[in-house]
N, C-alpha and C. Protein backbone atom coordinates (compact mmCIF):
# COMPACT_ATOMS: atom_id res chain seq x y z
N MET A 1 33.40 -6.63 6.36
CA MET A 1 32.54 -6.65 4.97
C MET A 1 31.56 -8.37 4.64
N ARG A 2 32.65 -9.39 5.53
CA ARG A 2 31.90 -10.36 5.43
C ARG A 2 31.40 -10.83 6.82
N GLN A 3 31.49 -10.31 7.91
CA GLN A 3 30.25 -9.47 9.09
C GLN A 3 29.61 -9.23 8.08
N GLN A 4 28.84 -8.17 7.28
CA GLN A 4 27.61 -7.67 7.19
C GLN A 4 27.22 -8.95 5.58
N LEU A 5 28.06 -9.25 5.14
CA LEU A 5 27.73 -10.58 4.36
C LEU A 5 26.80 -11.09 5.27
N ALA A 6 27.61 -11.73 6.34
CA ALA A 6 26.65 -13.16 7.00
C ALA A 6 25.80 -12.35 7.49
N VAL A 7 25.78 -11.54 8.20
CA VAL A 7 24.35 -10.81 9.04
C VAL A 7 23.15 -10.59 7.16
N MET A 8 23.66 -10.18 6.90
CA MET A 8 22.59 -9.99 5.53
C MET A 8 21.85 -11.58 4.95
N LEU A 9 22.71 -12.80 5.04
CA LEU A 9 22.85 -14.28 4.56
C LEU A 9 21.75 -14.66 5.59
N ALA A 10 21.79 -14.07 7.15
CA ALA A 10 21.16 -14.50 8.12
C ALA A 10 19.58 -14.18 8.04
N CYS A 11 19.56 -12.67 7.93
CA CYS A 11 18.30 -11.90 7.85
C CYS A 11 17.34 -12.52 6.61
N GLY A 12 18.07 -12.88 5.54
CA GLY A 12 17.27 -13.40 4.60
C GLY A 12 17.01 -14.73 4.40
N LEU A 13 17.88 -15.21 5.09
CA LEU A 13 17.58 -17.17 5.69
C LEU A 13 16.29 -16.79 6.69
N LEU A 14 16.57 -15.93 7.88
CA LEU A 14 15.32 -15.94 9.12
C LEU A 14 14.01 -15.69 8.17
N SER A 15 13.82 -14.47 7.20
CA SER A 15 12.79 -13.96 6.84
C SER A 15 12.22 -15.12 6.03
N ALA A 16 13.30 -15.95 4.52
CA ALA A 16 12.42 -16.74 4.12
C ALA A 16 11.81 -17.83 5.10
N CYS A 17 12.09 -18.18 6.54
CA CYS A 17 11.43 -18.87 7.31
C CYS A 17 9.83 -18.43 7.81
N ALA A 18 10.24 -17.30 7.75
CA ALA A 18 8.44 -16.59 8.20
C ALA A 18 7.90 -16.60 7.19
N SER A 19 6.47 -16.66 8.08
CA SER A 19 4.85 -17.42 6.69
C SER A 19 4.34 -16.20 7.77
N LEU A 20 3.28 -16.13 6.20
CA LEU A 20 1.91 -14.98 7.05
C LEU A 20 1.30 -15.85 8.15
N PRO A 21 0.52 -15.65 8.63
CA PRO A 21 -0.20 -16.05 9.46
C PRO A 21 -1.46 -16.86 8.66
N THR A 22 -1.86 -18.33 9.13
CA THR A 22 -3.25 -19.02 8.40
C THR A 22 -3.75 -18.45 9.07
N PRO A 23 -5.13 -18.36 8.02
CA PRO A 23 -6.11 -17.58 8.20
C PRO A 23 -7.44 -18.77 9.18
N ALA A 24 -8.39 -18.08 9.74
CA ALA A 24 -9.10 -19.28 10.59
C ALA A 24 -9.64 -20.25 10.09
N PRO A 25 -9.30 -21.45 10.60
CA PRO A 25 -10.38 -22.58 9.75
C PRO A 25 -11.77 -22.01 9.46
N GLY A 26 -12.28 -22.92 8.04
CA GLY A 26 -13.63 -22.99 7.56
C GLY A 26 -13.76 -21.47 6.68
N VAL A 27 -12.60 -20.48 6.41
CA VAL A 27 -12.82 -19.24 5.68
C VAL A 27 -12.18 -19.37 4.12
N PHE A 28 -12.28 -20.89 3.74
CA PHE A 28 -11.67 -20.64 2.30
C PHE A 28 -12.80 -20.68 1.76
N ASP A 29 -12.88 -19.96 0.58
CA ASP A 29 -14.40 -19.27 -0.28
C ASP A 29 -13.64 -19.99 -1.40
N VAL A 30 -14.36 -21.25 -1.93
CA VAL A 30 -13.59 -21.84 -3.33
C VAL A 30 -14.87 -21.10 -4.52
N GLY A 31 -15.11 -19.62 -4.02
CA GLY A 31 -15.71 -19.28 -5.10
C GLY A 31 -14.51 -17.67 -5.41
N SER A 32 -13.79 -17.51 -4.36
CA SER A 32 -13.09 -16.29 -4.20
C SER A 32 -11.67 -16.62 -3.16
N TRP A 33 -10.79 -16.47 -4.69
CA TRP A 33 -9.59 -16.79 -4.03
C TRP A 33 -8.49 -16.51 -4.97
N GLY A 34 -7.56 -16.69 -4.41
CA GLY A 34 -6.30 -16.34 -5.27
C GLY A 34 -4.70 -17.11 -5.29
N LEU A 35 -3.82 -16.94 -5.89
CA LEU A 35 -2.58 -17.65 -5.47
C LEU A 35 -1.35 -17.23 -6.42
N ASN A 36 -0.56 -17.52 -6.21
CA ASN A 36 0.34 -16.79 -6.91
C ASN A 36 1.81 -18.04 -7.23
N GLY A 37 2.39 -18.39 -8.24
CA GLY A 37 3.52 -18.91 -8.67
C GLY A 37 4.19 -18.84 -9.48
N ARG A 38 4.49 -20.14 -10.28
CA ARG A 38 5.44 -20.03 -11.42
C ARG A 38 5.27 -21.20 -12.62
N LEU A 39 4.80 -21.09 -13.76
CA LEU A 39 4.40 -22.29 -14.72
C LEU A 39 5.20 -22.78 -15.55
N ALA A 40 5.68 -23.61 -16.19
CA ALA A 40 6.28 -24.05 -17.10
C ALA A 40 5.64 -24.89 -17.73
N ILE A 41 5.43 -24.32 -19.01
CA ILE A 41 4.81 -24.99 -20.37
C ILE A 41 5.27 -25.49 -20.99
N ARG A 42 4.88 -27.28 -21.60
CA ARG A 42 5.90 -27.45 -22.58
C ARG A 42 4.91 -28.53 -23.35
N TYR A 43 4.77 -27.99 -24.77
CA TYR A 43 4.36 -28.89 -25.80
C TYR A 43 5.09 -28.88 -27.28
N GLY A 44 5.06 -30.29 -27.63
CA GLY A 44 6.05 -30.55 -28.47
C GLY A 44 7.67 -30.52 -28.28
N GLY A 45 8.85 -29.98 -28.97
CA GLY A 45 9.58 -29.66 -28.77
C GLY A 45 9.96 -28.14 -27.74
N GLU A 46 8.60 -27.62 -27.61
CA GLU A 46 8.95 -25.86 -27.47
C GLU A 46 8.70 -25.85 -25.66
N ALA A 47 9.11 -25.13 -24.87
CA ALA A 47 8.93 -24.75 -23.09
C ALA A 47 9.41 -23.38 -23.27
N ALA A 48 8.38 -23.42 -22.20
CA ALA A 48 8.37 -21.52 -21.79
C ALA A 48 8.16 -21.70 -20.11
N THR A 49 8.49 -21.00 -19.58
CA THR A 49 8.31 -20.56 -18.08
C THR A 49 7.37 -19.24 -18.20
N ALA A 50 6.91 -19.13 -17.08
CA ALA A 50 6.24 -17.77 -16.82
C ALA A 50 5.93 -17.29 -14.84
N ALA A 51 5.78 -16.30 -14.62
CA ALA A 51 5.13 -16.40 -13.38
C ALA A 51 3.60 -15.99 -13.80
N PHE A 52 3.22 -16.22 -12.58
CA PHE A 52 1.26 -16.63 -12.96
C PHE A 52 0.75 -16.15 -11.37
N ARG A 53 -0.39 -15.80 -12.22
CA ARG A 53 -1.06 -15.02 -10.92
C ARG A 53 -2.47 -15.34 -11.46
N TRP A 54 -3.42 -16.55 -10.50
CA TRP A 54 -4.34 -16.60 -10.41
C TRP A 54 -5.37 -16.11 -9.76
N ARG A 55 -6.55 -14.80 -10.07
CA ARG A 55 -7.79 -14.86 -9.13
C ARG A 55 -9.27 -15.26 -9.75
N GLN A 56 -9.92 -15.90 -8.47
CA GLN A 56 -11.15 -16.14 -8.54
C GLN A 56 -12.16 -15.80 -7.73
N THR A 57 -13.17 -15.47 -8.19
CA THR A 57 -14.65 -14.41 -8.25
C THR A 57 -15.59 -14.71 -8.78
N GLY A 58 -16.43 -15.44 -7.63
CA GLY A 58 -17.40 -16.10 -8.72
C GLY A 58 -16.99 -16.99 -9.78
N GLU A 59 -17.71 -17.28 -11.01
CA GLU A 59 -17.81 -17.64 -12.05
C GLU A 59 -16.63 -17.00 -13.01
N SER A 60 -16.07 -15.94 -12.42
CA SER A 60 -14.88 -15.24 -13.44
C SER A 60 -13.60 -15.50 -12.55
N SER A 61 -12.39 -16.32 -13.55
CA SER A 61 -11.33 -16.51 -13.15
C SER A 61 -10.19 -15.33 -13.96
N VAL A 62 -9.34 -14.94 -13.65
CA VAL A 62 -8.41 -13.88 -14.17
C VAL A 62 -6.96 -14.46 -13.89
N LEU A 63 -6.20 -14.74 -14.96
CA LEU A 63 -5.00 -15.43 -15.38
C LEU A 63 -4.00 -14.04 -15.65
N GLU A 64 -3.30 -14.19 -15.13
CA GLU A 64 -1.69 -13.00 -15.24
C GLU A 64 -0.77 -13.53 -15.34
N LEU A 65 0.01 -13.77 -16.54
CA LEU A 65 0.75 -14.25 -17.34
C LEU A 65 2.11 -13.28 -17.36
N SER A 66 3.18 -13.55 -16.80
CA SER A 66 4.42 -12.30 -17.07
C SER A 66 5.51 -13.44 -17.26
N GLY A 67 6.93 -12.86 -18.28
CA GLY A 67 8.13 -13.63 -18.32
C GLY A 67 9.10 -13.23 -17.30
N PRO A 68 10.51 -13.24 -17.57
CA PRO A 68 11.43 -12.71 -16.59
C PRO A 68 11.39 -11.18 -16.46
N PHE A 69 11.22 -10.83 -15.17
CA PHE A 69 11.44 -9.54 -14.45
C PHE A 69 10.07 -9.04 -15.02
N GLY A 70 8.97 -9.22 -15.33
CA GLY A 70 7.88 -8.77 -15.37
C GLY A 70 7.42 -9.00 -16.48
N THR A 71 8.30 -9.16 -17.80
CA THR A 71 8.31 -9.13 -19.46
C THR A 71 6.78 -9.74 -19.85
N GLY A 72 6.57 -9.13 -20.83
CA GLY A 72 6.02 -9.89 -22.27
C GLY A 72 4.16 -9.98 -21.10
N GLY A 73 3.74 -9.30 -20.18
CA GLY A 73 2.36 -9.84 -19.73
C GLY A 73 1.22 -9.83 -20.75
N VAL A 74 0.25 -10.98 -20.32
CA VAL A 74 -0.60 -11.47 -20.64
C VAL A 74 -1.96 -11.47 -19.76
N ARG A 75 -2.92 -10.90 -20.07
CA ARG A 75 -3.84 -11.36 -18.99
C ARG A 75 -5.30 -11.76 -19.45
N ALA A 76 -5.57 -13.05 -18.94
CA ALA A 76 -6.55 -14.06 -19.69
C ALA A 76 -7.90 -13.84 -18.38
N THR A 77 -9.12 -13.82 -18.83
CA THR A 77 -10.50 -13.50 -18.32
C THR A 77 -11.76 -14.53 -18.93
N LEU A 78 -11.86 -15.40 -17.99
CA LEU A 78 -12.64 -16.27 -18.20
C LEU A 78 -13.76 -16.32 -17.83
N ASP A 79 -15.32 -15.87 -17.70
CA ASP A 79 -16.40 -15.49 -17.42
C ASP A 79 -17.24 -16.06 -18.24
N ARG A 80 -18.20 -15.71 -17.67
CA ARG A 80 -19.77 -16.09 -18.90
C ARG A 80 -20.10 -15.55 -19.86
N GLN A 81 -19.18 -14.34 -20.34
CA GLN A 81 -19.40 -13.78 -21.10
C GLN A 81 -18.15 -14.15 -22.78
N GLY A 82 -17.18 -15.40 -21.55
CA GLY A 82 -16.25 -16.09 -22.85
C GLY A 82 -14.48 -15.63 -22.36
N LEU A 83 -13.39 -16.09 -23.16
CA LEU A 83 -12.47 -15.90 -23.00
C LEU A 83 -12.08 -14.67 -23.65
N ALA A 84 -11.08 -13.46 -22.69
CA ALA A 84 -10.91 -12.37 -23.03
C ALA A 84 -9.25 -12.39 -22.80
N LEU A 85 -8.50 -11.88 -23.74
CA LEU A 85 -7.17 -11.89 -23.65
C LEU A 85 -6.63 -9.76 -23.51
N GLU A 86 -5.65 -9.92 -23.14
CA GLU A 86 -5.02 -8.17 -23.05
C GLU A 86 -3.42 -8.55 -23.27
N ASP A 87 -3.42 -8.05 -23.74
CA ASP A 87 -1.25 -7.95 -23.42
C ASP A 87 -0.59 -6.81 -23.22
N ALA A 88 0.33 -6.57 -23.03
CA ALA A 88 0.64 -5.18 -22.41
C ALA A 88 0.69 -4.27 -22.94
N ARG A 89 0.97 -4.67 -23.77
CA ARG A 89 0.61 -2.57 -24.97
C ARG A 89 -0.87 -2.58 -24.93
N GLY A 90 -2.27 -3.12 -24.81
CA GLY A 90 -3.33 -3.09 -24.63
C GLY A 90 -3.73 -3.59 -25.88
N GLY A 91 -3.19 -4.63 -26.42
CA GLY A 91 -4.17 -4.99 -27.37
C GLY A 91 -5.23 -5.96 -26.97
N ARG A 92 -6.11 -5.99 -27.27
CA ARG A 92 -7.16 -7.23 -26.80
C ARG A 92 -7.98 -8.50 -28.20
N LEU A 93 -7.96 -9.65 -27.58
CA LEU A 93 -8.91 -10.51 -28.31
C LEU A 93 -9.84 -11.48 -27.38
N GLU A 94 -11.08 -11.39 -28.21
CA GLU A 94 -12.21 -12.18 -27.57
C GLU A 94 -12.23 -13.60 -28.09
N GLY A 95 -13.35 -14.06 -27.24
CA GLY A 95 -13.96 -15.69 -28.15
C GLY A 95 -13.48 -16.25 -28.44
N GLU A 96 -13.63 -16.97 -29.51
CA GLU A 96 -12.85 -18.00 -30.50
C GLU A 96 -11.46 -17.43 -30.73
N ALA A 97 -11.18 -15.59 -31.37
CA ALA A 97 -9.95 -15.44 -31.87
C ALA A 97 -9.15 -15.46 -31.09
N ALA A 98 -9.33 -15.30 -28.78
CA ALA A 98 -8.65 -15.90 -28.24
C ALA A 98 -7.98 -16.70 -27.79
N ARG A 99 -9.20 -17.87 -28.48
CA ARG A 99 -8.62 -19.17 -27.52
C ARG A 99 -7.37 -19.64 -28.74
N GLN A 100 -8.04 -19.51 -30.15
CA GLN A 100 -6.60 -19.73 -31.09
C GLN A 100 -5.79 -19.31 -30.76
N TRP A 101 -5.47 -17.71 -30.12
CA TRP A 101 -4.18 -17.41 -29.96
C TRP A 101 -3.52 -17.77 -28.67
N LEU A 102 -4.52 -18.04 -28.07
CA LEU A 102 -3.50 -18.64 -27.17
C LEU A 102 -3.21 -19.95 -27.39
N GLU A 103 -4.29 -20.90 -27.80
CA GLU A 103 -3.46 -22.32 -28.03
C GLU A 103 -1.60 -22.33 -29.06
N GLN A 104 -2.41 -21.34 -29.92
CA GLN A 104 -1.37 -21.02 -31.24
C GLN A 104 0.45 -20.40 -30.31
N SER A 105 0.37 -19.54 -29.64
CA SER A 105 1.10 -18.91 -28.45
C SER A 105 1.88 -20.38 -28.06
N VAL A 106 0.85 -20.78 -27.29
CA VAL A 106 1.21 -22.26 -25.82
C VAL A 106 1.68 -23.66 -27.07
N GLY A 107 1.48 -23.95 -28.17
CA GLY A 107 1.47 -25.25 -28.98
C GLY A 107 0.74 -25.45 -28.59
N GLY A 108 -0.35 -25.67 -28.33
CA GLY A 108 -1.85 -26.82 -27.85
C GLY A 108 -2.44 -25.35 -26.78
N PRO A 109 -3.59 -26.57 -26.81
CA PRO A 109 -5.25 -26.57 -26.12
C PRO A 109 -4.99 -26.30 -24.45
N VAL A 110 -5.43 -25.05 -23.88
CA VAL A 110 -5.17 -24.83 -22.15
C VAL A 110 -6.56 -25.13 -21.40
N PRO A 111 -6.32 -26.00 -20.97
CA PRO A 111 -8.12 -26.23 -20.22
C PRO A 111 -8.46 -25.16 -19.32
N LEU A 112 -8.62 -24.01 -19.54
CA LEU A 112 -9.00 -23.10 -18.71
C LEU A 112 -10.18 -23.35 -17.48
N GLU A 113 -10.81 -23.51 -18.68
CA GLU A 113 -12.84 -23.92 -17.92
C GLU A 113 -12.60 -24.62 -16.91
N HIS A 114 -11.52 -25.36 -16.67
CA HIS A 114 -11.66 -26.51 -15.69
C HIS A 114 -10.36 -26.59 -14.49
N LEU A 115 -9.32 -25.50 -14.94
CA LEU A 115 -8.06 -24.96 -14.24
C LEU A 115 -8.46 -24.29 -12.68
N ARG A 116 -9.47 -23.45 -12.45
CA ARG A 116 -10.11 -23.09 -11.26
C ARG A 116 -10.46 -24.75 -10.50
N TRP A 117 -10.90 -25.27 -10.39
CA TRP A 117 -10.82 -26.65 -9.89
C TRP A 117 -9.39 -27.18 -9.85
N TRP A 118 -9.20 -27.71 -10.94
CA TRP A 118 -7.53 -28.50 -10.77
C TRP A 118 -7.05 -28.12 -9.77
N LEU A 119 -6.60 -26.35 -9.93
CA LEU A 119 -5.90 -25.73 -8.96
C LEU A 119 -5.88 -26.22 -7.61
N MET A 120 -7.27 -26.25 -6.95
CA MET A 120 -7.85 -26.94 -6.03
C MET A 120 -7.10 -27.84 -5.55
N GLY A 121 -6.22 -28.82 -6.52
CA GLY A 121 -6.86 -30.56 -6.72
C GLY A 121 -8.10 -31.23 -6.88
N ARG A 122 -9.02 -30.50 -7.31
CA ARG A 122 -10.62 -31.33 -7.29
C ARG A 122 -10.89 -31.14 -8.77
N PRO A 123 -11.29 -32.55 -9.23
CA PRO A 123 -12.22 -32.69 -10.23
C PRO A 123 -13.34 -31.51 -10.39
N ALA A 124 -12.93 -30.77 -11.73
CA ALA A 124 -14.39 -29.61 -11.80
C ALA A 124 -15.43 -30.92 -11.73
N PRO A 125 -16.67 -30.14 -11.09
CA PRO A 125 -17.78 -30.32 -11.22
C PRO A 125 -18.86 -30.94 -12.80
N GLY A 126 -19.59 -31.68 -12.40
CA GLY A 126 -20.21 -31.68 -13.55
C GLY A 126 -19.67 -32.57 -14.64
N LEU A 127 -18.54 -32.96 -14.94
CA LEU A 127 -17.78 -34.13 -15.44
C LEU A 127 -17.41 -34.89 -14.96
N GLU A 128 -17.63 -35.80 -16.22
CA GLU A 128 -16.78 -37.38 -15.05
C GLU A 128 -15.07 -37.27 -15.21
N SER A 129 -14.57 -37.99 -14.37
CA SER A 129 -13.54 -37.80 -13.70
C SER A 129 -13.16 -39.58 -13.41
N VAL A 130 -11.71 -39.65 -13.22
CA VAL A 130 -11.62 -41.38 -12.98
C VAL A 130 -10.11 -40.72 -12.24
N ALA A 131 -10.54 -41.57 -10.69
CA ALA A 131 -8.99 -41.38 -9.91
C ALA A 131 -8.26 -42.14 -9.56
N ASP A 132 -7.33 -41.61 -10.22
CA ASP A 132 -5.18 -42.77 -10.15
C ASP A 132 -5.16 -42.65 -9.12
N ASP A 133 -4.31 -43.80 -8.75
CA ASP A 133 -3.92 -44.05 -7.82
C ASP A 133 -2.53 -42.97 -7.23
N PHE A 134 -2.38 -41.98 -6.64
CA PHE A 134 -1.09 -41.20 -6.70
C PHE A 134 -0.97 -41.49 -4.96
N PRO A 135 -0.05 -42.19 -4.37
CA PRO A 135 0.10 -42.16 -2.76
C PRO A 135 0.56 -40.40 -2.07
N ALA A 136 0.79 -40.22 -2.88
CA ALA A 136 1.90 -38.82 -2.69
C ALA A 136 1.11 -37.88 -2.72
N GLY A 137 -0.30 -37.75 -3.17
CA GLY A 137 -1.14 -36.53 -3.63
C GLY A 137 -2.14 -37.10 -4.25
N VAL A 138 -3.16 -36.30 -4.76
CA VAL A 138 -4.10 -36.66 -5.27
C VAL A 138 -3.97 -36.34 -7.36
N ALA A 139 -4.55 -37.52 -7.95
CA ALA A 139 -4.15 -37.74 -9.24
C ALA A 139 -5.95 -38.20 -9.80
N PHE A 140 -5.58 -37.46 -10.60
CA PHE A 140 -7.77 -38.21 -11.56
C PHE A 140 -7.08 -37.66 -13.16
N ARG A 141 -8.14 -38.04 -13.79
CA ARG A 141 -7.90 -37.66 -15.38
C ARG A 141 -9.10 -37.16 -15.69
N GLN A 142 -9.54 -35.94 -16.26
CA GLN A 142 -10.71 -35.43 -16.74
C GLN A 142 -10.29 -34.64 -18.11
N ALA A 143 -11.61 -34.59 -18.55
CA ALA A 143 -11.40 -34.11 -20.13
C ALA A 143 -10.06 -33.85 -20.75
N GLY A 144 -9.40 -35.29 -21.15
CA GLY A 144 -8.71 -35.40 -21.50
C GLY A 144 -7.78 -35.56 -20.93
N TRP A 145 -7.27 -34.70 -19.93
CA TRP A 145 -5.62 -34.39 -19.18
C TRP A 145 -5.88 -35.16 -17.80
N GLY A 146 -4.44 -35.40 -17.82
CA GLY A 146 -4.09 -36.19 -16.27
C GLY A 146 -3.93 -34.86 -15.33
N VAL A 147 -4.55 -34.93 -14.12
CA VAL A 147 -4.10 -33.74 -13.45
C VAL A 147 -3.59 -34.64 -12.11
N THR A 148 -2.55 -34.08 -11.78
CA THR A 148 -1.67 -34.10 -9.98
C THR A 148 -1.19 -33.32 -9.75
N ALA A 149 -1.74 -33.17 -7.78
CA ALA A 149 -1.46 -32.46 -7.14
C ALA A 149 -0.23 -32.82 -6.10
N GLU A 150 0.01 -32.56 -5.70
CA GLU A 150 0.85 -32.69 -4.52
C GLU A 150 1.57 -31.45 -3.21
N ARG A 151 2.16 -32.36 -2.41
CA ARG A 151 2.59 -31.55 -1.78
C ARG A 151 2.01 -30.67 -1.30
N PHE A 152 0.46 -30.86 -0.56
CA PHE A 152 -0.48 -30.06 -0.21
C PHE A 152 0.07 -29.31 1.21
N GLU A 153 -0.74 -28.07 1.56
CA GLU A 153 -0.47 -27.58 2.68
C GLU A 153 -2.00 -26.91 3.23
N PRO A 154 -1.79 -26.92 4.87
CA PRO A 154 -3.52 -26.30 5.18
C PRO A 154 -3.12 -24.69 4.70
N TRP A 155 -4.19 -24.41 4.48
CA TRP A 155 -4.50 -22.76 4.50
C TRP A 155 -5.93 -22.63 4.36
N ALA A 156 -6.61 -21.89 5.52
CA ALA A 156 -7.89 -21.17 5.64
C ALA A 156 -9.13 -22.27 5.68
N GLY A 157 -8.65 -23.49 6.49
CA GLY A 157 -9.29 -24.48 7.03
C GLY A 157 -9.12 -25.37 5.99
N GLU A 158 -8.43 -25.46 4.34
CA GLU A 158 -8.53 -27.03 3.47
C GLU A 158 -6.90 -27.36 3.46
N SER A 159 -6.70 -28.16 2.40
CA SER A 159 -5.54 -28.82 2.56
C SER A 159 -5.21 -28.21 1.12
N LEU A 160 -4.45 -27.28 0.83
CA LEU A 160 -4.51 -27.34 -0.57
C LEU A 160 -2.89 -27.47 -1.19
N PRO A 161 -2.85 -28.10 -2.74
CA PRO A 161 -1.60 -28.39 -3.01
C PRO A 161 -0.73 -27.42 -3.80
N MET A 162 0.53 -27.08 -4.00
CA MET A 162 1.28 -26.25 -3.77
C MET A 162 2.52 -26.84 -4.87
N ARG A 163 2.28 -28.33 -5.86
CA ARG A 163 2.37 -28.36 -6.82
C ARG A 163 1.68 -29.20 -7.51
N LEU A 164 1.29 -28.65 -8.69
CA LEU A 164 0.63 -29.48 -9.55
C LEU A 164 1.15 -30.03 -11.12
N LYS A 165 0.61 -30.70 -11.58
CA LYS A 165 0.91 -31.08 -13.07
C LYS A 165 -0.17 -31.40 -14.02
N LEU A 166 -0.07 -30.76 -15.22
CA LEU A 166 -1.44 -31.10 -15.65
C LEU A 166 -1.25 -31.57 -17.44
N ALA A 167 -1.32 -33.51 -17.76
CA ALA A 167 -1.14 -33.98 -18.69
C ALA A 167 -2.09 -33.87 -19.75
N GLY A 168 -1.94 -32.97 -21.12
CA GLY A 168 -2.83 -33.21 -22.11
C GLY A 168 -2.58 -33.33 -23.27
N PRO A 169 -3.24 -33.13 -24.39
CA PRO A 169 -3.33 -33.46 -25.61
C PRO A 169 -1.73 -32.80 -26.04
N GLY A 170 -0.67 -33.02 -25.94
CA GLY A 170 0.55 -32.90 -26.93
C GLY A 170 1.41 -32.41 -25.87
N GLY A 171 0.51 -31.90 -24.68
CA GLY A 171 1.59 -30.91 -23.36
C GLY A 171 1.70 -31.25 -22.14
N GLU A 172 2.18 -30.40 -21.88
CA GLU A 172 2.47 -30.77 -20.15
C GLU A 172 2.19 -29.05 -19.40
N LEU A 173 1.77 -29.09 -18.46
CA LEU A 173 1.88 -27.63 -17.85
C LEU A 173 2.13 -28.08 -16.44
N ARG A 174 3.06 -27.54 -15.58
CA ARG A 174 3.48 -28.04 -14.21
C ARG A 174 3.62 -26.34 -13.78
N LEU A 175 2.92 -26.72 -12.90
CA LEU A 175 2.89 -25.18 -11.93
C LEU A 175 3.21 -25.61 -10.22
N VAL A 176 3.68 -23.98 -9.59
CA VAL A 176 4.16 -24.07 -8.63
C VAL A 176 3.72 -23.34 -7.82
N VAL A 177 2.74 -23.24 -7.01
CA VAL A 177 2.30 -22.26 -5.68
C VAL A 177 2.88 -21.97 -4.82
N SER A 178 3.46 -20.35 -5.03
CA SER A 178 4.20 -19.86 -3.89
C SER A 178 3.31 -18.88 -2.82
N ARG A 179 2.14 -19.08 -2.87
CA ARG A 179 1.39 -18.35 -1.96
C ARG A 179 -0.17 -18.41 -2.36
N TRP A 180 -0.96 -19.02 -1.60
CA TRP A 180 -2.56 -18.63 -1.91
C TRP A 180 -3.21 -17.60 -0.95
N GLU A 181 -4.18 -17.13 -1.84
CA GLU A 181 -4.58 -15.84 -0.96
C GLU A 181 -6.36 -15.59 -0.95
N PRO A 182 -6.76 -14.71 -0.03
CA PRO A 182 -8.50 -14.75 -0.12
C PRO A 182 -8.80 -14.03 -1.15
N GLY A 183 -10.01 -14.35 -1.37
CA GLY A 183 -10.16 -13.58 -2.39
C GLY A 183 -10.34 -11.72 -2.29
N PRO A 184 -10.89 -11.48 -3.23
CA PRO A 184 -10.70 -9.37 -3.34
C PRO A 184 -11.89 -9.33 -2.24
């Protein structure tokens, strides 16, 4: 029994060390990519965690959130038509109603419009930003939020962050990226 446990543990450790092959340099497309990870949200005295999946295709951003064991799924789509939210039971909200529901649910504003750039550790283009001194990574302030990106890893010819902290009006979001992916 102990030997089986030791073999299982060794296999688990070896598989944890294995990684997918890195795509060839220069193939990262800032308009088409995805990532998976964990998210912690804190507003006021309230806090929540979720698994998240982000998909970026051109101007369309899709954020999927789920609680422990895949419960309580919510899908947010932001594109030229605006924001749309769908829950796991088929409920749907669009536009300002979707934004209000999202802000009430998490306890404050969520900067979805800029998040596609911030996830890559970059300020959103076309908006004023102020760089902050942060020797361990990248830090800047933009649109009322402080963005700190750290623990960068090479992927598809880019250096992309694996940890981010977004501090904004009354709240904080912390994201840990488990995997970057090429676009669809």
